[in-house]
C-alpha atoms as a PDB file:
ATOM      1  CA  UNK A   1     -90.063 -16.477  50.337  1.00  0.00           C
ATOM      2  CA  UNK A   2     -91.993 -14.532  52.917  1.00  0.00           C
ATOM      3  CA  UNK A   3     -91.571 -10.806  53.125  1.00  0.00           C
ATOM      4  CA  UNK A   4     -90.126  -9.281  56.245  1.00  0.00           C
ATOM      5  CA  UNK A   5     -91.676  -6.246  57.966  1.00  0.00           C
ATOM      6  CA  UNK A   6     -88.790  -4.012  56.838  1.00  0.00           C
ATOM      7  CA  UNK A   7     -89.019  -5.120  53.185  1.00  0.00           C
ATOM      8  CA  UNK A   8     -90.313  -2.577  50.719  1.00  0.00           C
ATOM      9  CA  UNK A   9     -91.171  -3.866  47.227  1.00  0.00           C
ATOM     10  CA  UNK A  10     -89.080  -1.211  45.451  1.00  0.00           C
ATOM     11  CA  UNK A  11     -86.231  -1.367  47.953  1.00  0.00           C
ATOM     12  CA  UNK A  12     -84.643  -4.648  46.863  1.00  0.00           C
ATOM     13  CA  UNK A  13     -81.406  -4.419  44.843  1.00  0.00           C
ATOM     14  CA  UNK A  14     -81.285  -5.941  41.354  1.00  0.00           C
ATOM     15  CA  UNK A  15     -79.919  -9.442  41.038  1.00  0.00           C
ATOM     16  CA  UNK A  16     -76.167  -9.708  40.749  1.00  0.00           C
ATOM     17  CA  UNK A  17     -75.255 -10.768  37.213  1.00  0.00           C
ATOM     18  CA  UNK A  18     -73.240 -13.946  36.851  1.00  0.00           C
ATOM     19  CA  UNK A  19     -69.675 -13.096  35.902  1.00  0.00           C
ATOM     20  CA  UNK A  20     -68.495 -14.532  32.583  1.00  0.00           C
ATOM     21  CA  UNK A  21     -66.657 -17.804  32.805  1.00  0.00           C
ATOM     22  CA  UNK A  22     -62.895 -17.882  32.713  1.00  0.00           C
ATOM     23  CA  UNK A  23     -61.777 -17.704  29.049  1.00  0.00           C
ATOM     24  CA  UNK A  24     -59.048 -20.257  29.787  1.00  0.00           C
ATOM     25  CA  UNK A  25     -61.550 -22.722  31.230  1.00  0.00           C
ATOM     26  CA  UNK A  26     -62.094 -25.692  28.895  1.00  0.00           C
ATOM     27  CA  UNK A  27     -65.503 -25.909  27.317  1.00  0.00           C
ATOM     28  CA  UNK A  28     -67.696 -28.989  27.288  1.00  0.00           C
ATOM     29  CA  UNK A  29     -66.467 -31.646  24.865  1.00  0.00           C
ATOM     30  CA  UNK A  30     -68.308 -31.906  21.590  1.00  0.00           C
ATOM     31  CA  UNK A  31     -70.208 -35.122  21.019  1.00  0.00           C
ATOM     32  CA  UNK A  32     -68.452 -37.583  18.766  1.00  0.00           C
ATOM     33  CA  UNK A  33     -70.735 -39.481  16.369  1.00  0.00           C
ATOM     34  CA  UNK A  34     -70.900 -43.171  17.155  1.00  0.00           C
ATOM     35  CA  UNK A  35     -69.008 -45.438  14.811  1.00  0.00           C
ATOM     36  CA  UNK A  36     -70.872 -48.683  15.470  1.00  0.00           C
ATOM     37  CA  UNK A  37     -74.402 -49.754  14.591  1.00  0.00           C
ATOM     38  CA  UNK A  38     -77.260 -47.940  16.284  1.00  0.00           C
ATOM     39  CA  UNK A  39     -79.269 -50.606  18.097  1.00  0.00           C
ATOM     40  CA  UNK A  40     -81.952 -48.132  19.158  1.00  0.00           C
ATOM     41  CA  UNK A  41     -83.072 -47.547  15.562  1.00  0.00           C
ATOM     42  CA  UNK A  42     -83.437 -50.462  13.142  1.00  0.00           C
ATOM     43  CA  UNK A  43     -81.937 -49.909   9.700  1.00  0.00           C
ATOM     44  CA  UNK A  44     -85.056 -51.214   8.003  1.00  0.00           C
ATOM     45  CA  UNK A  45     -88.676 -51.680   8.937  1.00  0.00           C
ATOM     46  CA  UNK A  46     -90.011 -54.774  10.707  1.00  0.00           C
ATOM     47  CA  UNK A  47     -90.178 -58.011   8.731  1.00  0.00           C
ATOM     48  CA  UNK A  48     -93.762 -59.106   8.181  1.00  0.00           C
ATOM     49  CA  UNK A  49     -94.707 -62.583   9.308  1.00  0.00           C
ATOM     50  CA  UNK A  50     -95.961 -65.073   6.721  1.00  0.00           C
ATOM     51  CA  UNK A  51     -99.726 -65.641   6.673  1.00  0.00           C
ATOM     52  CA  UNK A  52    -100.964 -68.270   9.147  1.00  0.00           C
ATOM     53  CA  UNK A  53    -101.606 -71.780   7.791  1.00  0.00           C
END
């Protein structure tokens, strides 16, 4: 942001703090662990191929 001619470095007010959220506001839902198999991670290592003939 460019400074304006009337701006003085020590003349700017401090940032306004963010007010706390409403205590009655629902929070983010907690993550539920998945119940099915995890296809992203194999349960065991890769199966080695038999040696070539």
